[in-house]
Amino acid sequence: MNLAMCTLQLAGREGLTARHAENLLATGGQLVDIRSPDDFRRGALPGARNLPLDALSWDYRYLDKSAAVILCGTRDVACARAARLLAGKGFKRIYHLADVRD
């Protein structure tokens, strides 16, 4: 298991499969792509909202704290940082969809 996944699990956050992500999204989950706007424009998952990691400390306000948040990006370490930030802002259901690539 890599360090980022260990960090997410220790923080009470979970990695998840595509099927689990689909189920969460179908029940009101929020898909958040933390990559740069340029990377997001080059290709993103359908329904993803682009909230780059650099701006997430302010832009988290656009998210519903009561709904699941599914983080995606190309770097596990960045997703771990985003998960810690959101947990510190009161989000409880934070997941990581690993390895989204252009």
N, C-alpha and C. Protein backbone atom coordinates (compact mmCIF):
# COMPACT_ATOMS: atom_id res chain seq x y z
N MET A 1 0.86 -1.18 0.00
CA MET A 1 0.00 0.00 0.00
C MET A 1 0.90 1.23 0.00
N ASN A 2 0.58 2.22 -0.85
CA ASN A 2 1.44 3.39 -0.91
C ASN A 2 1.16 4.37 0.23
N LEU A 3 2.08 5.31 0.42
CA LEU A 3 2.00 6.25 1.54
C LEU A 3 0.72 7.07 1.51
N ALA A 4 0.30 7.52 0.32
CA ALA A 4 -0.90 8.35 0.25
C ALA A 4 -2.13 7.59 0.70
N MET A 5 -2.26 6.34 0.29
CA MET A 5 -3.42 5.56 0.71
C MET A 5 -3.36 5.31 2.21
N CYS A 6 -2.16 5.07 2.75
CA CYS A 6 -2.03 4.91 4.20
C CYS A 6 -2.50 6.18 4.89
N THR A 7 -2.07 7.33 4.38
CA THR A 7 -2.46 8.61 4.97
C THR A 7 -3.97 8.78 4.93
N LEU A 8 -4.59 8.48 3.79
CA LEU A 8 -6.05 8.61 3.68
C LEU A 8 -6.75 7.69 4.67
N GLN A 9 -6.28 6.46 4.78
CA GLN A 9 -6.94 5.52 5.68
C GLN A 9 -6.74 5.92 7.14
N LEU A 10 -5.55 6.38 7.50
CA LEU A 10 -5.31 6.80 8.88
C LEU A 10 -6.16 8.01 9.24
N ALA A 11 -6.44 8.85 8.25
CA ALA A 11 -7.27 10.02 8.50
C ALA A 11 -8.76 9.67 8.49
N GLY A 12 -9.09 8.41 8.36
CA GLY A 12 -10.49 8.00 8.32
C GLY A 12 -11.11 8.16 6.95
N ARG A 13 -10.30 8.32 5.94
CA ARG A 13 -10.79 8.47 4.58
C ARG A 13 -10.58 7.16 3.85
N GLU A 14 -11.33 6.91 2.82
CA GLU A 14 -11.28 5.63 2.15
C GLU A 14 -10.96 5.77 0.66
N GLY A 15 -10.18 4.82 0.16
CA GLY A 15 -10.03 4.68 -1.28
C GLY A 15 -11.25 3.90 -1.76
N LEU A 16 -11.57 3.95 -3.04
CA LEU A 16 -12.74 3.22 -3.49
C LEU A 16 -12.60 2.77 -4.93
N THR A 17 -13.42 1.82 -5.26
CA THR A 17 -13.45 1.29 -6.61
C THR A 17 -14.37 2.16 -7.47
N ALA A 18 -14.28 1.97 -8.79
CA ALA A 18 -15.15 2.71 -9.70
C ALA A 18 -16.62 2.40 -9.42
N ARG A 19 -16.92 1.15 -9.12
CA ARG A 19 -18.32 0.77 -8.85
C ARG A 19 -18.85 1.48 -7.60
N HIS A 20 -18.04 1.52 -6.55
CA HIS A 20 -18.44 2.20 -5.32
C HIS A 20 -18.62 3.70 -5.60
N ALA A 21 -17.72 4.28 -6.40
CA ALA A 21 -17.83 5.69 -6.75
C ALA A 21 -19.14 5.95 -7.49
N GLU A 22 -19.49 5.09 -8.43
CA GLU A 22 -20.75 5.25 -9.17
C GLU A 22 -21.94 5.23 -8.22
N ASN A 23 -21.92 4.33 -7.26
CA ASN A 23 -23.01 4.25 -6.28
C ASN A 23 -23.09 5.52 -5.43
N LEU A 24 -21.95 6.03 -5.01
CA LEU A 24 -21.95 7.26 -4.23
C LEU A 24 -22.47 8.44 -5.04
N LEU A 25 -22.04 8.53 -6.30
CA LEU A 25 -22.50 9.63 -7.15
C LEU A 25 -24.00 9.53 -7.41
N ALA A 26 -24.51 8.33 -7.56
CA ALA A 26 -25.94 8.13 -7.80
C ALA A 26 -26.78 8.55 -6.60
N THR A 27 -26.17 8.60 -5.43
CA THR A 27 -26.90 8.98 -4.22
C THR A 27 -26.48 10.35 -3.69
N GLY A 28 -26.00 11.21 -4.61
CA GLY A 28 -25.71 12.60 -4.22
C GLY A 28 -24.25 12.92 -3.94
N GLY A 29 -23.35 11.98 -4.19
CA GLY A 29 -21.93 12.26 -3.98
C GLY A 29 -21.41 13.31 -4.95
N GLN A 30 -20.31 13.92 -4.58
CA GLN A 30 -19.71 15.00 -5.36
C GLN A 30 -18.34 14.56 -5.85
N LEU A 31 -18.11 14.64 -7.15
CA LEU A 31 -16.83 14.26 -7.73
C LEU A 31 -16.00 15.53 -7.91
N VAL A 32 -14.85 15.58 -7.24
CA VAL A 32 -14.01 16.77 -7.24
C VAL A 32 -12.65 16.44 -7.83
N ASP A 33 -12.34 17.07 -8.93
CA ASP A 33 -11.05 16.91 -9.60
C ASP A 33 -10.14 18.03 -9.10
N ILE A 34 -9.04 17.67 -8.44
CA ILE A 34 -8.18 18.67 -7.82
C ILE A 34 -7.00 19.08 -8.71
N ARG A 35 -7.00 18.63 -9.95
CA ARG A 35 -5.93 19.00 -10.88
C ARG A 35 -6.06 20.47 -11.30
N SER A 36 -5.04 20.97 -11.97
CA SER A 36 -5.05 22.34 -12.48
C SER A 36 -6.16 22.50 -13.52
N PRO A 37 -6.63 23.74 -13.72
CA PRO A 37 -7.65 23.96 -14.75
C PRO A 37 -7.20 23.49 -16.14
N ASP A 38 -5.92 23.67 -16.48
CA ASP A 38 -5.43 23.21 -17.78
C ASP A 38 -5.54 21.70 -17.91
N ASP A 39 -5.12 20.97 -16.88
CA ASP A 39 -5.23 19.51 -16.92
C ASP A 39 -6.69 19.08 -16.98
N PHE A 40 -7.54 19.76 -16.23
CA PHE A 40 -8.97 19.45 -16.23
C PHE A 40 -9.56 19.63 -17.62
N ARG A 41 -9.20 20.71 -18.30
CA ARG A 41 -9.72 20.97 -19.66
C ARG A 41 -9.25 19.92 -20.66
N ARG A 42 -8.08 19.35 -20.44
CA ARG A 42 -7.56 18.33 -21.35
C ARG A 42 -8.33 17.02 -21.25
N GLY A 43 -9.03 16.82 -20.15
CA GLY A 43 -9.81 15.60 -20.00
C GLY A 43 -10.17 15.37 -18.56
N ALA A 44 -11.45 15.20 -18.31
CA ALA A 44 -11.94 15.00 -16.95
C ALA A 44 -13.04 13.95 -16.96
N LEU A 45 -13.30 13.39 -15.81
CA LEU A 45 -14.39 12.44 -15.68
C LEU A 45 -15.72 13.17 -15.81
N PRO A 46 -16.70 12.55 -16.43
CA PRO A 46 -18.02 13.18 -16.57
C PRO A 46 -18.60 13.54 -15.20
N GLY A 47 -19.10 14.75 -15.10
CA GLY A 47 -19.73 15.21 -13.87
C GLY A 47 -18.77 15.75 -12.82
N ALA A 48 -17.48 15.74 -13.12
CA ALA A 48 -16.50 16.24 -12.14
C ALA A 48 -16.52 17.75 -12.07
N ARG A 49 -16.29 18.25 -10.87
CA ARG A 49 -16.15 19.69 -10.64
C ARG A 49 -14.68 19.95 -10.41
N ASN A 50 -14.13 20.96 -11.06
CA ASN A 50 -12.71 21.28 -10.91
C ASN A 50 -12.52 22.27 -9.77
N LEU A 51 -11.92 21.79 -8.70
CA LEU A 51 -11.52 22.63 -7.57
C LEU A 51 -10.05 22.32 -7.31
N PRO A 52 -9.14 23.04 -7.98
CA PRO A 52 -7.72 22.73 -7.85
C PRO A 52 -7.25 22.78 -6.41
N LEU A 53 -6.30 21.92 -6.10
CA LEU A 53 -5.77 21.82 -4.74
C LEU A 53 -5.32 23.17 -4.22
N ASP A 54 -4.67 23.98 -5.06
CA ASP A 54 -4.16 25.28 -4.63
C ASP A 54 -5.27 26.21 -4.14
N ALA A 55 -6.48 26.05 -4.63
CA ALA A 55 -7.58 26.93 -4.26
C ALA A 55 -8.60 26.26 -3.34
N LEU A 56 -8.38 25.00 -3.02
CA LEU A 56 -9.38 24.24 -2.27
C LEU A 56 -9.62 24.79 -0.86
N SER A 57 -8.62 25.44 -0.28
CA SER A 57 -8.81 25.97 1.07
C SER A 57 -9.88 27.07 1.11
N TRP A 58 -10.21 27.66 -0.05
CA TRP A 58 -11.32 28.63 -0.12
C TRP A 58 -12.52 28.03 -0.84
N ASP A 59 -12.26 27.28 -1.89
CA ASP A 59 -13.33 26.78 -2.74
C ASP A 59 -14.12 25.61 -2.14
N TYR A 60 -13.67 25.08 -1.01
CA TYR A 60 -14.42 24.00 -0.37
C TYR A 60 -15.85 24.45 -0.08
N ARG A 61 -16.09 25.74 0.00
CA ARG A 61 -17.43 26.27 0.30
C ARG A 61 -18.46 25.92 -0.77
N TYR A 62 -17.98 25.54 -1.94
CA TYR A 62 -18.87 25.15 -3.03
C TYR A 62 -19.38 23.71 -2.86
N LEU A 63 -18.87 23.02 -1.86
CA LEU A 63 -19.23 21.61 -1.65
C LEU A 63 -20.21 21.47 -0.49
N ASP A 64 -21.01 20.43 -0.56
CA ASP A 64 -21.98 20.11 0.48
C ASP A 64 -21.31 19.19 1.51
N LYS A 65 -21.15 19.67 2.73
CA LYS A 65 -20.49 18.88 3.77
C LYS A 65 -21.26 17.62 4.13
N SER A 66 -22.56 17.61 3.89
CA SER A 66 -23.36 16.43 4.26
C SER A 66 -23.30 15.32 3.21
N ALA A 67 -22.76 15.62 2.04
CA ALA A 67 -22.69 14.62 0.96
C ALA A 67 -21.26 14.07 0.86
N ALA A 68 -21.15 12.87 0.32
CA ALA A 68 -19.83 12.27 0.10
C ALA A 68 -19.05 13.11 -0.91
N VAL A 69 -17.74 13.21 -0.69
CA VAL A 69 -16.84 13.89 -1.61
C VAL A 69 -15.87 12.84 -2.14
N ILE A 70 -15.80 12.73 -3.46
CA ILE A 70 -14.88 11.80 -4.11
C ILE A 70 -13.80 12.64 -4.77
N LEU A 71 -12.59 12.52 -4.29
CA LEU A 71 -11.46 13.27 -4.83
C LEU A 71 -10.80 12.49 -5.94
N CYS A 72 -10.44 13.17 -7.01
CA CYS A 72 -9.67 12.52 -8.06
C CYS A 72 -8.59 13.48 -8.54
N GLY A 73 -7.50 12.90 -8.97
CA GLY A 73 -6.36 13.65 -9.47
C GLY A 73 -5.31 12.65 -9.91
N THR A 74 -4.21 13.14 -10.46
CA THR A 74 -3.19 12.21 -10.94
C THR A 74 -2.17 11.87 -9.86
N ARG A 75 -2.16 12.59 -8.77
CA ARG A 75 -1.17 12.32 -7.72
C ARG A 75 -1.86 11.96 -6.42
N ASP A 76 -1.54 10.78 -5.89
CA ASP A 76 -2.13 10.32 -4.64
C ASP A 76 -1.81 11.26 -3.49
N VAL A 77 -0.59 11.80 -3.48
CA VAL A 77 -0.18 12.69 -2.39
C VAL A 77 -1.06 13.95 -2.38
N ALA A 78 -1.38 14.47 -3.55
CA ALA A 78 -2.24 15.65 -3.63
C ALA A 78 -3.64 15.33 -3.11
N CYS A 79 -4.16 14.15 -3.44
CA CYS A 79 -5.47 13.75 -2.93
C CYS A 79 -5.44 13.59 -1.41
N ALA A 80 -4.33 13.09 -0.89
CA ALA A 80 -4.20 12.95 0.57
C ALA A 80 -4.21 14.33 1.23
N ARG A 81 -3.53 15.29 0.63
CA ARG A 81 -3.54 16.66 1.16
C ARG A 81 -4.95 17.24 1.12
N ALA A 82 -5.64 17.04 -0.01
CA ALA A 82 -7.00 17.55 -0.15
C ALA A 82 -7.92 16.90 0.88
N ALA A 83 -7.75 15.61 1.12
CA ALA A 83 -8.59 14.91 2.10
C ALA A 83 -8.36 15.48 3.50
N ARG A 84 -7.11 15.71 3.86
CA ARG A 84 -6.81 16.29 5.19
C ARG A 84 -7.41 17.68 5.31
N LEU A 85 -7.30 18.48 4.25
CA LEU A 85 -7.86 19.83 4.28
C LEU A 85 -9.37 19.78 4.48
N LEU A 86 -10.06 18.95 3.70
CA LEU A 86 -11.52 18.86 3.82
C LEU A 86 -11.94 18.31 5.18
N ALA A 87 -11.21 17.34 5.69
CA ALA A 87 -11.52 16.81 7.02
C ALA A 87 -11.40 17.91 8.07
N GLY A 88 -10.41 18.76 7.93
CA GLY A 88 -10.23 19.88 8.84
C GLY A 88 -11.33 20.92 8.73
N LYS A 89 -12.04 20.93 7.62
CA LYS A 89 -13.16 21.86 7.40
C LYS A 89 -14.50 21.23 7.79
N GLY A 90 -14.47 20.02 8.31
CA GLY A 90 -15.70 19.40 8.80
C GLY A 90 -16.34 18.38 7.90
N PHE A 91 -15.72 18.05 6.78
CA PHE A 91 -16.26 17.02 5.90
C PHE A 91 -16.00 15.65 6.53
N LYS A 92 -16.98 14.77 6.48
CA LYS A 92 -16.87 13.46 7.12
C LYS A 92 -16.71 12.31 6.13
N ARG A 93 -17.33 12.42 4.97
CA ARG A 93 -17.32 11.32 3.99
C ARG A 93 -16.46 11.71 2.80
N ILE A 94 -15.17 11.43 2.92
CA ILE A 94 -14.20 11.79 1.89
C ILE A 94 -13.58 10.51 1.34
N TYR A 95 -13.61 10.39 0.02
CA TYR A 95 -13.08 9.21 -0.64
C TYR A 95 -12.06 9.63 -1.68
N HIS A 96 -11.25 8.68 -2.10
CA HIS A 96 -10.22 8.94 -3.09
C HIS A 96 -10.36 7.94 -4.24
N LEU A 97 -10.60 8.47 -5.42
CA LEU A 97 -10.63 7.65 -6.62
C LEU A 97 -9.25 7.74 -7.24
N ALA A 98 -8.53 6.67 -7.19
CA ALA A 98 -7.10 6.69 -7.52
C ALA A 98 -6.84 6.79 -9.02
N ASP A 99 -5.76 7.47 -9.34
CA ASP A 99 -5.09 7.43 -10.63
C ASP A 99 -5.94 7.83 -11.82
N VAL A 100 -6.46 9.04 -11.82
CA VAL A 100 -7.16 9.59 -12.97
C VAL A 100 -6.12 10.21 -13.88
N ARG A 101 -6.07 9.79 -15.11
CA ARG A 101 -5.06 10.28 -16.06
C ARG A 101 -5.74 10.83 -17.31
N ASP A 102 -5.02 11.78 -17.95
CA ASP A 102 -5.55 12.36 -19.19
C ASP A 102 -5.64 11.31 -20.27
